[in-house]
């Protein structure tokens, strides 16, 4: 690809929007970006520091106990990117036709994955007290699964590490170019409900 063509492609990149059910063509652009044959596709939204607001409760900020400090949100194309990067690092070539079905098995259509980094947790067992979901038209939908990365460490202020939540947004009528309100509760005893907004037009 010539430099002139590459620059032209950058200028004419389409507006981003989350892809609830990516096509092979969309996945191919991600794979080609990983191998540096096309510009990289933005497959996730990241926020650090994470700006929380209070949906319910008084005197909730700053949070008592632990506090979320960063977030990353992505869908199937982020999984495609991870699989392609793994193959590239192992000096293998992969195609979108190979990795997209794998991504769909791991994270079904209409699902999102939320990485939430927290600091200051008094005990490692209290990770399970974190509850995360989304607010959709005044109703709440809780994450159906939570796992933990192996980055948890104990420091002077307590434990810090990353929780991973899985959200099923199928059948919600969510605008892929709109904003998603993520809600969460920490381990604290006070009735504090926090929220942060994810611009779905910031990634594919």
Protein backbone atom coordinates (compact mmCIF):
# COMPACT_ATOMS: atom_id res chain seq x y z
CA UNK A 1 0.00 0.00 0.00
CA UNK A 2 1.38 3.38 -0.97
CA UNK A 3 1.78 6.12 1.62
CA UNK A 4 -0.57 8.37 -0.37
CA UNK A 5 -3.26 5.70 -0.40
CA UNK A 6 -2.83 5.08 3.33
CA UNK A 7 -3.19 8.77 4.12
CA UNK A 8 -6.27 8.95 1.94
CA UNK A 9 -7.78 6.00 3.79
CA UNK A 10 -7.20 7.77 7.07
CA UNK A 11 -9.01 10.87 5.85
CA UNK A 12 -12.01 8.85 4.63
CA UNK A 13 -12.39 6.58 7.66
CA UNK A 14 -16.10 6.15 8.47
CA UNK A 15 -17.58 7.37 11.74
CA UNK A 16 -17.17 4.80 14.47
CA UNK A 17 -20.04 2.84 15.96
CA UNK A 18 -20.07 -0.29 18.10
CA UNK A 19 -20.69 -3.40 15.99
CA UNK A 20 -23.01 -5.75 17.95
CA UNK A 21 -22.61 -8.40 15.24
CA UNK A 22 -19.43 -7.74 13.24
CA UNK A 23 -19.11 -8.85 9.64
CA UNK A 24 -16.13 -10.65 8.15
CA UNK A 25 -15.25 -7.40 6.35
CA UNK A 26 -15.14 -5.48 9.64
CA UNK A 27 -13.07 -8.21 11.27
CA UNK A 28 -10.68 -8.20 8.30
CA UNK A 29 -9.93 -4.50 8.86
CA UNK A 30 -9.06 -5.27 12.48
CA UNK A 31 -6.78 -8.16 11.50
CA UNK A 32 -5.08 -6.10 8.79
CA UNK A 33 -4.53 -3.33 11.33
CA UNK A 34 -2.85 -5.73 13.75
CA UNK A 35 -0.43 -6.75 11.00
CA UNK A 36 0.11 -3.05 10.12
CA UNK A 37 -1.24 -3.40 6.60
CA UNK A 38 -4.06 -0.96 7.34
CA UNK A 39 -4.59 1.71 10.04
CA UNK A 40 -5.50 0.19 13.41
CA UNK A 41 -9.20 -0.01 14.18
CA UNK A 42 -10.31 1.29 17.58
CA UNK A 43 -11.95 -1.76 19.17
CA UNK A 44 -12.45 -0.54 22.74
CA UNK A 45 -13.17 2.58 24.79
CA UNK A 46 -10.82 3.36 27.66
CA UNK A 47 -11.03 5.81 30.55
CA UNK A 48 -8.23 6.46 33.04
CA UNK A 49 -8.89 8.17 35.35
CA UNK A 50 -12.48 6.99 35.43
CA UNK A 51 -15.00 9.75 36.11
CA UNK A 52 -17.80 8.47 38.34
CA UNK A 53 -21.04 10.21 39.11
CA UNK A 54 -23.58 9.31 41.79
CA UNK A 55 -26.99 8.01 40.75
CA UNK A 56 -28.15 7.26 44.28
CA UNK A 57 -26.89 8.13 47.75
CA UNK A 58 -25.38 11.00 49.70
CA UNK A 59 -21.77 11.74 50.57
CA UNK A 60 -20.71 8.97 48.17
CA UNK A 61 -17.76 10.76 46.55
CA UNK A 62 -14.99 10.01 47.00
CA UNK A 63 -15.97 6.38 47.56
CA UNK A 64 -15.21 4.93 50.97
CA UNK A 65 -13.15 1.76 50.87
CA UNK A 66 -12.11 0.79 47.38
CA UNK A 67 -12.62 2.90 44.27
CA UNK A 68 -12.78 2.19 40.54
CA UNK A 69 -9.97 4.04 38.78
CA UNK A 70 -10.07 2.88 35.14
CA UNK A 71 -12.34 1.11 32.68
CA UNK A 72 -12.13 -0.50 29.25
CA UNK A 73 -15.18 -1.57 27.23
CA UNK A 74 -15.14 -3.62 24.05
CA UNK A 75 -17.09 -6.18 22.04
CA UNK A 76 -16.40 -8.94 19.56
CA UNK A 77 -13.94 -6.94 17.48
CA UNK A 78 -11.75 -6.45 20.54
CA UNK A 79 -11.63 -10.24 20.87
CA UNK A 80 -10.72 -10.47 17.18
CA UNK A 81 -7.89 -8.01 17.81
CA UNK A 82 -6.61 -10.01 20.78
CA UNK A 83 -6.64 -13.26 18.79
CA UNK A 84 -4.83 -11.62 15.87
CA UNK A 85 -2.23 -10.07 18.17
CA UNK A 86 -1.63 -13.46 19.79
CA UNK A 87 -1.06 -15.02 16.37
CA UNK A 88 1.24 -12.19 15.25
CA UNK A 89 3.31 -12.53 18.43
CA UNK A 90 3.65 -16.24 17.69
CA UNK A 91 4.79 -15.44 14.12
CA UNK A 92 1.61 -16.84 12.59
CA UNK A 93 -0.76 -15.40 9.99
CA UNK A 94 -4.49 -15.52 10.61
CA UNK A 95 -7.47 -14.41 8.57
CA UNK A 96 -10.73 -12.83 9.66
CA UNK A 97 -12.59 -15.97 8.55
CA UNK A 98 -10.65 -17.91 11.20
CA UNK A 99 -10.77 -15.58 14.19
CA UNK A 100 -14.25 -14.06 13.88
CA UNK A 101 -16.06 -17.38 14.58
CA UNK A 102 -13.80 -17.87 17.59
CA UNK A 103 -14.64 -14.39 18.84
CA UNK A 104 -18.38 -15.02 18.42
CA UNK A 105 -18.13 -18.23 20.45
CA UNK A 106 -16.28 -16.44 23.24
CA UNK A 107 -18.42 -13.27 23.24
CA UNK A 108 -21.81 -13.68 21.51
CA UNK A 109 -23.50 -11.09 19.30
CA UNK A 110 -24.80 -8.09 21.25
CA UNK A 111 -22.51 -8.64 24.22
CA UNK A 112 -19.91 -6.30 25.69
CA UNK A 113 -17.03 -6.88 28.07
CA UNK A 114 -16.13 -4.34 30.77
CA UNK A 115 -12.70 -4.27 32.40
CA UNK A 116 -12.87 -2.36 35.69
CA UNK A 117 -9.70 -1.63 37.61
CA UNK A 118 -10.19 -0.99 41.33
CA UNK A 119 -7.82 0.10 44.08
CA UNK A 120 -7.94 0.09 47.86
CA UNK A 121 -9.89 -3.13 48.42
CA UNK A 122 -9.52 -4.12 52.11
CA UNK A 123 -9.62 -7.88 51.40
CA UNK A 124 -9.29 -9.86 48.19
CA UNK A 125 -12.52 -11.74 48.90
CA UNK A 126 -14.44 -8.46 48.67
CA UNK A 127 -14.00 -8.43 44.90
CA UNK A 128 -17.22 -10.46 44.81
CA UNK A 129 -19.08 -7.53 46.42
CA UNK A 130 -18.69 -5.47 43.25
CA UNK A 131 -21.94 -5.39 41.27
CA UNK A 132 -21.97 -3.94 37.76
CA UNK A 133 -24.61 -3.56 35.08
CA UNK A 134 -26.23 -1.03 32.78
CA UNK A 135 -29.19 1.33 32.98
CA UNK A 136 -31.52 1.06 30.00
CA UNK A 137 -34.66 3.20 29.86
CA UNK A 138 -34.82 3.45 33.64
CA UNK A 139 -34.27 -0.26 34.22
CA UNK A 140 -31.14 -2.07 35.30
CA UNK A 141 -29.57 -5.11 33.68
CA UNK A 142 -26.85 -6.83 35.68
CA UNK A 143 -23.75 -8.41 34.18
CA UNK A 144 -24.28 -12.15 33.76
CA UNK A 145 -20.68 -13.10 34.49
CA UNK A 146 -17.66 -11.74 36.32
CA UNK A 147 -14.05 -12.91 36.27
CA UNK A 148 -10.77 -11.47 37.53
CA UNK A 149 -7.46 -10.84 35.83
CA UNK A 150 -4.33 -12.18 37.51
CA UNK A 151 -3.00 -8.66 38.16
CA UNK A 152 -4.26 -8.39 41.75
CA UNK A 153 -1.60 -7.23 44.20
CA UNK A 154 -1.61 -5.94 47.75
CA UNK A 155 -0.18 -2.48 48.38
CA UNK A 156 -0.15 -0.01 51.24
CA UNK A 157 -3.73 1.07 50.49
CA UNK A 158 -5.12 -2.44 50.04
CA UNK A 159 -5.58 -4.71 47.05
CA UNK A 160 -5.66 -3.45 43.48
CA UNK A 161 -6.54 -5.28 40.29
CA UNK A 162 -8.98 -5.75 37.43
CA UNK A 163 -12.48 -7.21 37.41
CA UNK A 164 -14.03 -8.29 34.10
CA UNK A 165 -17.80 -8.14 33.62
CA UNK A 166 -19.85 -9.54 30.73
CA UNK A 167 -23.01 -7.76 29.56
CA UNK A 168 -25.80 -9.09 27.37
CA UNK A 169 -27.41 -6.18 25.50
CA UNK A 170 -29.38 -8.16 22.95
CA UNK A 171 -32.97 -7.10 22.40
CA UNK A 172 -32.51 -3.76 24.18
CA UNK A 173 -32.78 -1.51 21.11
CA UNK A 174 -29.53 0.20 22.13
CA UNK A 175 -28.23 2.73 19.60
CA UNK A 176 -24.73 1.57 18.53
CA UNK A 177 -23.77 5.25 18.16
CA UNK A 178 -25.34 6.35 21.43
CA UNK A 179 -24.19 6.38 25.05
CA UNK A 180 -24.34 3.45 27.42
CA UNK A 181 -24.77 4.14 31.15
CA UNK A 182 -22.80 1.64 33.22
CA UNK A 183 -23.81 1.40 36.89
CA UNK A 184 -21.97 -0.20 39.78
CA UNK A 185 -21.84 -0.73 43.51
CA UNK A 186 -18.63 -1.31 45.46
CA UNK A 187 -18.11 -3.23 48.70
CA UNK A 188 -19.01 -0.25 50.92
CA UNK A 189 -22.04 -0.51 53.22
CA UNK A 190 -23.56 2.85 52.25
CA UNK A 191 -26.32 2.79 49.63
CA UNK A 192 -24.26 4.40 46.88
CA UNK A 193 -24.95 3.69 43.22
CA UNK A 194 -22.30 5.01 40.84
CA UNK A 195 -22.39 5.44 37.07
CA UNK A 196 -20.16 6.30 34.13
CA UNK A 197 -21.03 6.79 30.47
CA UNK A 198 -19.54 4.84 27.60
CA UNK A 199 -19.73 6.53 24.16
CA UNK A 200 -20.48 3.64 21.82
CA UNK A 201 -19.36 5.77 18.87
CA UNK A 202 -15.80 5.74 20.23
CA UNK A 203 -15.02 2.18 19.11
CA UNK A 204 -16.16 -0.65 16.88
